[in-house]
Amino acid sequence: TDVLTDRAIDFIRQNKDQPFFCYVPYNAPHSPWIVPEKYWDKYADKGLDDKARCAYAMVDCVDENLGRLMQTLDDLKLTDNTIVLFLTDNGPNSDRYNGNMRGRKGSIHEGGIRVPLFVRYPGKIEAGTVVKPIAAHIDILPTLLELCSVENTSDQPLDGTSLVPLLTNKSHKDWPQRTLFSDRLFRNSIPDAELPHGSVRTDRWRAAYERGKWSLYDMQVDPSQKQNVAKAHPAVMNELSAAYKDWFQDVSQAGFEPIPIPVGHPREKFTSLPANESFLSPEAGQGINYSGKGHNGYANSWIEDWTDPQASAVWHLDVLQPGTYEVTLKYTCRAEDIGCEVQAQINGQTLNATISEPHDPPKIGNQDRVEQSDNYMSKDWAKIKLGSVTLKQGTCELTLTGVKKTGSELLDVKGFELKRVQ
């Protein structure tokens, strides 16, 4: 949190004399549960378990750093002409206080989806303004476009609605009734039924679809969603479930192809292809796996337990700049597996690598206040250059397969680096 704030302040200072957009993606409060002593000590003897204690301590740290950002705007006399938005991505990632809302991160209920949004724009938005109609992340772009008097030049329609009338006018009587949708679809999966888990929200109702069944809640009288009233309001239930089916059919028209990783952006020194963004075949746990044993790969996962040379990992790419790219593999290898060979294939070009020396460092320790799984561990990764390939602009795949196994496993793989050299 401190590092992100430091970099944001540096960026703001460097761009203070021109329009700028600064995105500060704090990763707290969230595991890994690492927090400085001064915040940790404050929440001792409060009757909290260690996870909740860390979460509150992290909130303190975020709050202090937000103050630093606001003070920077004041010091540079940018406050009056800077739009500041503060919001979060989803509900808490552990079981802790959640405003008496049902669910947590990953849930399609209120506690997994509803988050705060604060907007500060002195002179345009009066302090203390409260927007009561429902809104969503899709509304942020049209809102910023209107506040900045920027025309939308895209040929694609925007799903969201500008919130400027609500932010600048306390009367909401002319605001239309809206229906907002959420779904939970894992990146490695296609719905095994007609629909993925999801929900529909209006100002009054939340309809939820999970495990093949619908439920309905009156959010105005039952904000904690304790009473399923689907049988009492069949017309509402039918209307919202039909709306969800229509919405999902619309947004899934392009199918479920993986979103490719952009390669060769002119502002990047190299493109990182992390292991967790690969797709394992035949699938995770069958001769190849992600660390942490997560079937979808977590943000810090690497490839391990690679016992089947025919198993593979595939990265989907979108090459932005054609040219020659140097390919580097990040790996570890045990002494007993020395001599193993792997192969990378991309655009009909093949690069092989044989590991001749062991590199098997211990996992870098877990510094959490709360013991965690391998999801939050790391290693000192070795690098080996496989060679160079010529890439055309457009989409392609990089496939890593085994060629020869000398021990019980092949490599552990953290990912690839692609560097445009010509």
Foldseek 3Di string as FASTA:
>chain_A
DVVLLVVQLVVCVVQVVHDDDGDRDDPPPAPPLDADPVLLVVCPPVPDDSSVSSRRSRVVVVVVSVVVVQVSCVVSVNQQPDKDKDKDAFFYPDDDDQPLAPDGDPDQGCRGGDMDIDIDHPPQFDPPQDQQFDAHPLQPVVQVCVVVVHDDPDPDDRPGHHCSCSRRPVDCVPPDWDKDKDFRDALQDDDPDLGGWIWIDTSFKIWTADPRDIFIDGCVVCVRPPDTCCVVCVVVNVVGVVVHSVVVCVVCVVDRDHDADEFDDVVDQWDWDFQLQWAKPPFAPPQKHWFVRDRNGDPQIWIDSNQDQAIKIKHKHAYADWAKKWKKWWWFFAPQFAQWKKWKDKPNDIFIDGHHDGGDFDKDDSPGPDDDGCSPIHGDIDMDTRGMDTDDGGMIMIMMGTDDTRHRHHITTGGMIIGGDD
